[in-house]
Amino acid sequence: MSNPEPAQPEASNPDPVPLSPWRRMPLNRLVTISGAAVLAVAALFGGLQEADHVTPVAFGDTYSDGPLRITPRLATVVDAIDGFKPLSAECRYLVVRAEVSNSAPVAVPIGMGWQAAESAEDCSDRTSSTIVDVPLVLRGLTTTFAGARRVRGPAPAETFDPGFADVFDLVWMVPVAELREDRKVELLMPQMTHIVSTLQLNETWVADPDQYGALPVPVGAAR
């Protein structure tokens, strides 16, 4: 009688290889993470743009807002200007002088100037300026746009006429109490787009509140 063969040990199953976290993750989660990674890389290399596109401008620089080429020359604070109404003791005029040329085929409005009363005007209750559909806005002070005039004349101006270049004084009414050395004041020059409406049979200029040139305006101590 032959000897029985020794029993063979049962083969043991090897330990399962653990799945990587990526293989265990649901597909929709992978898609979300992949998309976020792509956006992060795009932002790192300039693929994404910031909300505001601000171009720093200094006095003497020329900034183009589309139709206009604007070269700010100087800024000053005065208590009276020829052709403008008198102000109360609490107010001053802030004047920005700039050379402006219009390459568009149509005029660009400067903005509705405030018409002061015959008596001295109090400017303490004015609201702070924001970008509206005008090519020049003063930010950082409680202001009211008083108007503009051509330096050579000086004649009042309501528009930047097409095909012409001239030097203008742009005038705002500001409170004396806000004219401090530490005050951050900027002249904003938003990008302008000409819109023609065939339905309403009119045309207008629209300012882009997210794209603009920014000129720091020193105001200093009140005069």
Foldseek 3Di string as FASTA:
>chain_A
DDDDDDDDDDDDDDDDDDDDPVVVDDPVVVVVVVVVVVVVVCVVVVNDDDQAAEAEDEQQDWDDLDFKTKHWHAKAKAQDDPPAAGADPFKIKIKIKIKMAGADQAKAFQDDADHDDNDHDDQPPAAAWADWQHFKIKGQFRKGWHFKFFPVVGHTDGIRGHPDIGMMITIIMGTQVRQAQPTWMKIKGFRWDWDADPVVRDIHIGGDRRYTYIYTHHRHHGD
